[in-house]
Amino acid sequence: MGLKIRDMTKEDEWYVGTCTHVGEKNEEIEKCAIERIKYFKKMKKSGLKIKVALFDDQHAGFIYLFPVEISPWEVQGKNLFFIPCLVAHSKFSGHNIGKALIYEAENEVKKQNKDGLVVYAMDW
């Protein structure tokens, strides 16, 4: 089995929508997930791409790719994908989940004839 990356499916929505907090009983997380999933569906029509990593058929991470022109963050540029979020579960540490997601983002850049990637990063 191993590592697979795919476009987000209906099966992945709750995992991505809860920001990996699947199974946690928390009303706030669930309300946010519902709104986030609605937002993803709306933005998908404008070019949002979400890639999901699976390791041995378990959710292992995800990455958002916004066309920079529709980014909700104040990012400047044209014909780029903007990455506001990349998640790689520590449970799968050592399996290159983050690296595979970035590689898939680079492939999507080429596939969509974009000029590159823009990353927003914070140090927590």
Foldseek 3Di string as FASTA:
>chain_A
DFKDKDWDDPVCLQCVLLVNPPPDPDPVSVVSSVVVSVVCVVQVVVPKTKMFMAGVNHTFWIWIWHQPVPDPDPDDDHQETETEDIDGDPVPPPRCPRVVRVVVRVVVSVVSVGPYYHYDDDDD
